[in-house]
Amino acid sequence: MDIYKLEFEVRDNEVDMQGVVNNANYFNYFAHARHKFLKEMGISFSEMSDNKQYLFLTSTSIEFKKALKAEDKFYVTCELVPEGNIRIAFKQELRHLSDDTLMAKSHNVGVCIDGNNRNRPYVPEILKNLIAKTA
């Protein structure tokens, strides 16, 4: 499977007084790409929640390389990798669309909590299968 890729364009309201994208917006870019990635892979947050299966982010980190500016076009990648026995991780990169320059990268760790089994953490089969496909 190819690494998932989602394109964006910087909106005016995402730029701060210095003329660059405010760092808080990068978290939104990465989160939106993760959610779209999972949806495209057949994983619905709302259906999981209806079944008392809850996906939570437990940690996130972003390494900033270069600043995005107003109207820049860019894309975010998303790759699912195992992170121990009960966690999953999303490796992500944010790259400028015009020349593929790495602007930021992120490592996000998550867990699924089973509301039907005393809120125990686990990795759902659908995620295990998705990890196996990308390995």
N, C-alpha and C. Protein backbone atom coordinates (compact mmCIF):
# COMPACT_ATOMS: atom_id res chain seq x y z
N MET A 1 0.84 -1.18 0.00
CA MET A 1 0.00 0.00 0.00
C MET A 1 0.88 1.24 0.00
N ASP A 2 0.52 2.22 -0.81
CA ASP A 2 1.22 3.49 -0.83
C ASP A 2 0.90 4.27 0.43
N ILE A 3 1.80 5.17 0.80
CA ILE A 3 1.56 6.05 1.94
C ILE A 3 0.44 7.02 1.57
N TYR A 4 -0.50 7.21 2.49
CA TYR A 4 -1.63 8.10 2.26
C TYR A 4 -1.14 9.54 2.15
N LYS A 5 -1.79 10.31 1.28
CA LYS A 5 -1.39 11.70 1.04
C LYS A 5 -2.65 12.56 0.86
N LEU A 6 -2.71 13.70 1.57
CA LEU A 6 -3.85 14.61 1.50
C LEU A 6 -3.34 16.03 1.28
N GLU A 7 -3.89 16.70 0.27
CA GLU A 7 -3.45 18.05 -0.08
C GLU A 7 -4.26 19.11 0.65
N PHE A 8 -3.58 20.24 0.96
CA PHE A 8 -4.17 21.38 1.66
C PHE A 8 -3.66 22.67 1.00
N GLU A 9 -4.30 23.79 1.39
CA GLU A 9 -3.80 25.12 1.07
C GLU A 9 -3.94 25.97 2.32
N VAL A 10 -2.89 26.74 2.65
CA VAL A 10 -2.93 27.60 3.82
C VAL A 10 -4.00 28.68 3.61
N ARG A 11 -4.85 28.83 4.61
CA ARG A 11 -5.89 29.86 4.58
C ARG A 11 -5.39 31.09 5.34
N ASP A 12 -5.88 32.25 4.98
CA ASP A 12 -5.43 33.51 5.57
C ASP A 12 -5.52 33.52 7.09
N ASN A 13 -6.57 32.95 7.65
CA ASN A 13 -6.76 32.98 9.10
C ASN A 13 -5.78 32.07 9.85
N GLU A 14 -4.98 31.28 9.14
CA GLU A 14 -4.02 30.38 9.79
C GLU A 14 -2.64 31.03 9.94
N VAL A 15 -2.49 32.24 9.41
CA VAL A 15 -1.20 32.93 9.43
C VAL A 15 -1.17 33.91 10.60
N ASP A 16 -0.03 33.95 11.30
CA ASP A 16 0.10 34.85 12.46
C ASP A 16 0.73 36.19 12.08
N MET A 17 1.04 36.99 13.06
CA MET A 17 1.58 38.34 12.82
C MET A 17 2.93 38.32 12.11
N GLN A 18 3.63 37.19 12.19
CA GLN A 18 4.94 37.09 11.54
C GLN A 18 4.84 36.69 10.07
N GLY A 19 3.61 36.43 9.61
CA GLY A 19 3.39 36.06 8.22
C GLY A 19 3.57 34.58 7.93
N VAL A 20 3.64 33.77 8.98
CA VAL A 20 3.78 32.32 8.81
C VAL A 20 2.62 31.62 9.50
N VAL A 21 2.42 30.37 9.15
CA VAL A 21 1.34 29.59 9.78
C VAL A 21 1.64 29.41 11.26
N ASN A 22 0.66 29.73 12.08
CA ASN A 22 0.79 29.54 13.52
C ASN A 22 0.98 28.06 13.82
N ASN A 23 1.89 27.77 14.74
CA ASN A 23 2.25 26.36 15.00
C ASN A 23 1.07 25.50 15.42
N ALA A 24 0.05 26.05 16.06
CA ALA A 24 -1.11 25.26 16.48
C ALA A 24 -1.86 24.67 15.29
N ASN A 25 -1.80 25.32 14.15
CA ASN A 25 -2.51 24.82 12.97
C ASN A 25 -1.92 23.52 12.44
N TYR A 26 -0.64 23.29 12.67
CA TYR A 26 -0.02 22.05 12.20
C TYR A 26 -0.69 20.84 12.85
N PHE A 27 -1.05 20.96 14.13
CA PHE A 27 -1.75 19.86 14.81
C PHE A 27 -3.06 19.55 14.08
N ASN A 28 -3.77 20.59 13.65
CA ASN A 28 -5.02 20.38 12.92
C ASN A 28 -4.78 19.73 11.56
N TYR A 29 -3.75 20.15 10.85
CA TYR A 29 -3.44 19.54 9.56
C TYR A 29 -3.16 18.04 9.73
N PHE A 30 -2.31 17.71 10.70
CA PHE A 30 -1.97 16.31 10.93
C PHE A 30 -3.19 15.50 11.37
N ALA A 31 -4.02 16.06 12.26
CA ALA A 31 -5.20 15.34 12.74
C ALA A 31 -6.19 15.10 11.61
N HIS A 32 -6.42 16.11 10.80
CA HIS A 32 -7.37 15.96 9.69
C HIS A 32 -6.89 14.87 8.73
N ALA A 33 -5.60 14.84 8.43
CA ALA A 33 -5.06 13.81 7.54
C ALA A 33 -5.20 12.42 8.15
N ARG A 34 -4.98 12.29 9.47
CA ARG A 34 -5.16 10.97 10.13
C ARG A 34 -6.60 10.51 10.01
N HIS A 35 -7.53 11.41 10.27
CA HIS A 35 -8.95 11.03 10.22
C HIS A 35 -9.38 10.65 8.81
N LYS A 36 -8.93 11.39 7.80
CA LYS A 36 -9.26 11.07 6.41
C LYS A 36 -8.63 9.75 6.00
N PHE A 37 -7.40 9.51 6.44
CA PHE A 37 -6.70 8.25 6.16
C PHE A 37 -7.51 7.08 6.70
N LEU A 38 -7.90 7.15 7.97
CA LEU A 38 -8.66 6.05 8.58
C LEU A 38 -10.01 5.85 7.87
N LYS A 39 -10.66 6.96 7.54
CA LYS A 39 -11.94 6.86 6.84
C LYS A 39 -11.77 6.16 5.49
N GLU A 40 -10.73 6.55 4.76
CA GLU A 40 -10.49 5.93 3.46
C GLU A 40 -10.16 4.44 3.60
N MET A 41 -9.61 4.05 4.73
CA MET A 41 -9.28 2.65 4.98
C MET A 41 -10.47 1.88 5.55
N GLY A 42 -11.64 2.53 5.64
CA GLY A 42 -12.84 1.85 6.10
C GLY A 42 -13.07 1.90 7.59
N ILE A 43 -12.38 2.79 8.28
CA ILE A 43 -12.52 2.89 9.73
C ILE A 43 -13.28 4.18 10.05
N SER A 44 -14.46 4.03 10.64
CA SER A 44 -15.32 5.17 10.96
C SER A 44 -15.28 5.45 12.46
N PHE A 45 -14.88 6.67 12.83
CA PHE A 45 -14.87 7.05 14.24
C PHE A 45 -16.27 6.94 14.83
N SER A 46 -17.29 7.39 14.10
CA SER A 46 -18.64 7.38 14.64
C SER A 46 -19.16 5.95 14.84
N GLU A 47 -18.88 5.06 13.89
CA GLU A 47 -19.32 3.66 14.05
C GLU A 47 -18.58 3.00 15.21
N MET A 48 -17.29 3.27 15.32
CA MET A 48 -16.54 2.68 16.44
C MET A 48 -17.11 3.19 17.76
N SER A 49 -17.38 4.48 17.83
CA SER A 49 -17.92 5.06 19.06
C SER A 49 -19.28 4.47 19.39
N ASP A 50 -20.13 4.28 18.37
CA ASP A 50 -21.44 3.66 18.58
C ASP A 50 -21.29 2.26 19.17
N ASN A 51 -20.18 1.59 18.85
CA ASN A 51 -19.90 0.24 19.36
C ASN A 51 -19.03 0.25 20.61
N LYS A 52 -18.88 1.44 21.22
CA LYS A 52 -18.08 1.63 22.44
C LYS A 52 -16.62 1.25 22.24
N GLN A 53 -16.11 1.53 21.06
CA GLN A 53 -14.70 1.35 20.75
C GLN A 53 -14.15 2.75 20.50
N TYR A 54 -13.27 3.22 21.37
CA TYR A 54 -12.85 4.62 21.34
C TYR A 54 -11.37 4.75 20.99
N LEU A 55 -11.10 5.50 19.95
CA LEU A 55 -9.72 5.78 19.56
C LEU A 55 -9.27 7.08 20.21
N PHE A 56 -8.15 7.03 20.93
CA PHE A 56 -7.61 8.19 21.61
C PHE A 56 -6.15 8.39 21.23
N LEU A 57 -5.77 9.64 21.07
CA LEU A 57 -4.37 9.99 20.89
C LEU A 57 -3.77 10.12 22.29
N THR A 58 -2.66 9.44 22.53
CA THR A 58 -2.02 9.50 23.86
C THR A 58 -0.79 10.39 23.87
N SER A 59 -0.18 10.59 22.72
CA SER A 59 0.94 11.54 22.64
C SER A 59 1.13 11.99 21.20
N THR A 60 1.67 13.16 21.06
CA THR A 60 1.95 13.70 19.73
C THR A 60 3.16 14.60 19.81
N SER A 61 3.94 14.59 18.77
CA SER A 61 5.09 15.50 18.70
C SER A 61 5.23 15.97 17.26
N ILE A 62 5.65 17.21 17.13
CA ILE A 62 5.89 17.79 15.82
C ILE A 62 7.29 18.40 15.81
N GLU A 63 8.01 18.09 14.76
CA GLU A 63 9.31 18.71 14.53
C GLU A 63 9.15 19.65 13.35
N PHE A 64 9.31 20.95 13.62
CA PHE A 64 9.16 21.96 12.59
C PHE A 64 10.47 22.15 11.84
N LYS A 65 10.40 22.15 10.52
CA LYS A 65 11.59 22.31 9.69
C LYS A 65 11.62 23.67 9.00
N LYS A 66 10.51 24.02 8.34
CA LYS A 66 10.37 25.29 7.63
C LYS A 66 8.94 25.77 7.81
N ALA A 67 8.77 27.09 7.72
CA ALA A 67 7.44 27.66 7.95
C ALA A 67 6.62 27.73 6.67
N LEU A 68 5.35 27.39 6.80
CA LEU A 68 4.39 27.62 5.73
C LEU A 68 3.93 29.07 5.78
N LYS A 69 3.56 29.60 4.62
CA LYS A 69 3.08 30.98 4.52
C LYS A 69 1.70 30.99 3.86
N ALA A 70 1.07 32.15 3.87
CA ALA A 70 -0.27 32.29 3.29
C ALA A 70 -0.29 31.77 1.86
N GLU A 71 -1.34 31.04 1.54
CA GLU A 71 -1.60 30.49 0.21
C GLU A 71 -0.65 29.38 -0.23
N ASP A 72 0.28 28.97 0.63
CA ASP A 72 1.13 27.82 0.28
C ASP A 72 0.25 26.60 0.09
N LYS A 73 0.61 25.80 -0.89
CA LYS A 73 -0.06 24.52 -1.10
C LYS A 73 0.90 23.44 -0.59
N PHE A 74 0.34 22.46 0.11
CA PHE A 74 1.16 21.43 0.73
C PHE A 74 0.35 20.14 0.85
N TYR A 75 1.04 19.08 1.22
CA TYR A 75 0.34 17.83 1.49
C TYR A 75 0.86 17.21 2.76
N VAL A 76 0.02 16.38 3.37
CA VAL A 76 0.37 15.66 4.58
C VAL A 76 0.28 14.17 4.28
N THR A 77 1.31 13.43 4.68
CA THR A 77 1.29 11.98 4.52
C THR A 77 0.91 11.33 5.85
N CYS A 78 0.49 10.09 5.76
CA CYS A 78 0.11 9.36 6.95
C CYS A 78 0.44 7.88 6.75
N GLU A 79 1.15 7.34 7.70
CA GLU A 79 1.53 5.92 7.67
C GLU A 79 1.27 5.33 9.05
N LEU A 80 0.59 4.22 9.11
CA LEU A 80 0.27 3.54 10.35
C LEU A 80 1.34 2.50 10.67
N VAL A 81 1.86 2.54 11.90
CA VAL A 81 2.89 1.59 12.32
C VAL A 81 2.58 1.09 13.73
N PRO A 82 3.02 -0.13 14.06
CA PRO A 82 2.78 -0.63 15.43
C PRO A 82 3.63 0.14 16.43
N GLU A 83 3.13 0.24 17.64
CA GLU A 83 3.84 0.94 18.72
C GLU A 83 3.61 0.11 19.98
N GLY A 84 4.35 -0.97 20.13
CA GLY A 84 4.14 -1.86 21.26
C GLY A 84 2.96 -2.79 21.01
N ASN A 85 2.46 -3.38 22.09
CA ASN A 85 1.39 -4.38 21.98
C ASN A 85 -0.02 -3.80 21.95
N ILE A 86 -0.21 -2.62 22.53
CA ILE A 86 -1.57 -2.08 22.62
C ILE A 86 -1.72 -0.69 22.01
N ARG A 87 -0.67 -0.21 21.41
CA ARG A 87 -0.74 1.13 20.81
C ARG A 87 -0.40 1.08 19.33
N ILE A 88 -0.83 2.11 18.65
CA ILE A 88 -0.50 2.30 17.24
C ILE A 88 0.11 3.68 17.09
N ALA A 89 0.85 3.87 16.03
CA ALA A 89 1.45 5.18 15.78
C ALA A 89 1.19 5.60 14.34
N PHE A 90 1.07 6.88 14.16
CA PHE A 90 0.93 7.48 12.85
C PHE A 90 2.19 8.30 12.59
N LYS A 91 2.97 7.88 11.62
CA LYS A 91 4.11 8.67 11.18
C LYS A 91 3.61 9.59 10.08
N GLN A 92 3.87 10.88 10.23
CA GLN A 92 3.34 11.83 9.27
C GLN A 92 4.40 12.85 8.86
N GLU A 93 4.28 13.31 7.64
CA GLU A 93 5.12 14.39 7.13
C GLU A 93 4.25 15.43 6.45
N LEU A 94 4.67 16.66 6.55
CA LEU A 94 4.01 17.76 5.86
C LEU A 94 5.03 18.32 4.88
N ARG A 95 4.72 18.29 3.59
CA ARG A 95 5.65 18.71 2.54
C ARG A 95 5.01 19.75 1.64
N HIS A 96 5.85 20.69 1.19
CA HIS A 96 5.40 21.72 0.26
C HIS A 96 5.09 21.05 -1.07
N LEU A 97 3.97 21.41 -1.66
CA LEU A 97 3.52 20.75 -2.89
C LEU A 97 4.41 21.08 -4.08
N SER A 98 4.93 22.30 -4.15
CA SER A 98 5.66 22.72 -5.34
C SER A 98 7.00 22.01 -5.51
N ASP A 99 7.71 21.78 -4.40
CA ASP A 99 9.07 21.21 -4.53
C ASP A 99 9.35 20.06 -3.57
N ASP A 100 8.31 19.58 -2.86
CA ASP A 100 8.43 18.43 -1.97
C ASP A 100 9.30 18.69 -0.74
N THR A 101 9.55 19.96 -0.42
CA THR A 101 10.36 20.29 0.75
C THR A 101 9.66 19.84 2.02
N LEU A 102 10.40 19.17 2.91
CA LEU A 102 9.85 18.77 4.20
C LEU A 102 9.69 20.01 5.07
N MET A 103 8.46 20.29 5.49
CA MET A 103 8.16 21.46 6.31
C MET A 103 8.02 21.08 7.79
N ALA A 104 7.49 19.90 8.06
CA ALA A 104 7.32 19.42 9.44
C ALA A 104 7.08 17.92 9.40
N LYS A 105 7.39 17.27 10.51
CA LYS A 105 7.06 15.85 10.63
C LYS A 105 6.50 15.61 12.02
N SER A 106 5.69 14.57 12.11
CA SER A 106 4.97 14.32 13.35
C SER A 106 4.93 12.82 13.66
N HIS A 107 4.94 12.52 14.95
CA HIS A 107 4.79 11.15 15.42
C HIS A 107 3.65 11.17 16.44
N ASN A 108 2.60 10.41 16.17
CA ASN A 108 1.39 10.43 16.98
C ASN A 108 1.07 9.02 17.45
N VAL A 109 0.95 8.84 18.74
CA VAL A 109 0.67 7.52 19.32
C VAL A 109 -0.76 7.51 19.82
N GLY A 110 -1.46 6.41 19.52
CA GLY A 110 -2.84 6.28 19.94
C GLY A 110 -3.14 4.91 20.50
N VAL A 111 -4.29 4.82 21.11
CA VAL A 111 -4.76 3.57 21.68
C VAL A 111 -6.27 3.49 21.46
N CYS A 112 -6.77 2.28 21.38
CA CYS A 112 -8.21 2.06 21.31
C CYS A 112 -8.65 1.48 22.64
N ILE A 113 -9.70 2.05 23.19
CA ILE A 113 -10.25 1.60 24.47
C ILE A 113 -11.56 0.86 24.18
N ASP A 114 -11.68 -0.33 24.77
CA ASP A 114 -12.87 -1.15 24.59
C ASP A 114 -13.86 -0.87 25.70
N GLY A 115 -14.89 -0.08 25.38
CA GLY A 115 -15.92 0.26 26.35
C GLY A 115 -16.81 -0.91 26.73
N ASN A 116 -16.71 -2.00 26.00
CA ASN A 116 -17.49 -3.20 26.30
C ASN A 116 -16.72 -4.18 27.19
N ASN A 117 -15.45 -3.89 27.44
CA ASN A 117 -14.61 -4.82 28.20
C ASN A 117 -13.79 -4.04 29.24
N ARG A 118 -14.47 -3.44 30.18
CA ARG A 118 -13.86 -2.70 31.29
C ARG A 118 -12.84 -1.66 30.84
N ASN A 119 -13.09 -1.05 29.68
CA ASN A 119 -12.23 0.01 29.14
C ASN A 119 -10.77 -0.41 28.97
N ARG A 120 -10.61 -1.64 28.58
CA ARG A 120 -9.26 -2.15 28.34
C ARG A 120 -8.72 -1.64 27.01
N PRO A 121 -7.44 -1.30 26.96
CA PRO A 121 -6.82 -0.90 25.69
C PRO A 121 -6.53 -2.13 24.83
N TYR A 122 -6.67 -1.95 23.54
CA TYR A 122 -6.39 -3.04 22.61
C TYR A 122 -6.20 -2.45 21.22
N VAL A 123 -5.71 -3.26 20.29
CA VAL A 123 -5.61 -2.86 18.89
C VAL A 123 -6.67 -3.65 18.13
N PRO A 124 -7.66 -2.95 17.55
CA PRO A 124 -8.71 -3.66 16.81
C PRO A 124 -8.15 -4.42 15.61
N GLU A 125 -8.82 -5.51 15.27
CA GLU A 125 -8.39 -6.33 14.14
C GLU A 125 -8.25 -5.52 12.85
N ILE A 126 -9.18 -4.59 12.62
CA ILE A 126 -9.12 -3.79 11.39
C ILE A 126 -7.82 -2.98 11.33
N LEU A 127 -7.35 -2.49 12.48
CA LEU A 127 -6.08 -1.75 12.52
C LEU A 127 -4.89 -2.70 12.38
N LYS A 128 -4.97 -3.87 13.00
CA LYS A 128 -3.90 -4.87 12.86
C LYS A 128 -3.75 -5.25 11.38
N ASN A 129 -4.88 -5.45 10.71
CA ASN A 129 -4.85 -5.81 9.30
C ASN A 129 -4.28 -4.68 8.45
N LEU A 130 -4.62 -3.47 8.80
CA LEU A 130 -4.10 -2.30 8.07
C LEU A 130 -2.59 -2.18 8.25
N ILE A 131 -2.12 -2.40 9.46
CA ILE A 131 -0.66 -2.37 9.73
C ILE A 131 0.03 -3.46 8.93
N ALA A 132 -0.56 -4.66 8.90
CA ALA A 132 0.02 -5.78 8.17
C ALA A 132 0.14 -5.48 6.67
N LYS A 133 -0.86 -4.77 6.13
CA LYS A 133 -0.83 -4.42 4.70
C LYS A 133 0.29 -3.44 4.39
N THR A 134 0.60 -2.56 5.34
CA THR A 134 1.60 -1.52 5.08
C THR A 134 3.01 -1.98 5.42
N ALA A 135 3.13 -3.10 6.11
CA ALA A 135 4.46 -3.59 6.51
C ALA A 135 5.24 -4.15 5.35
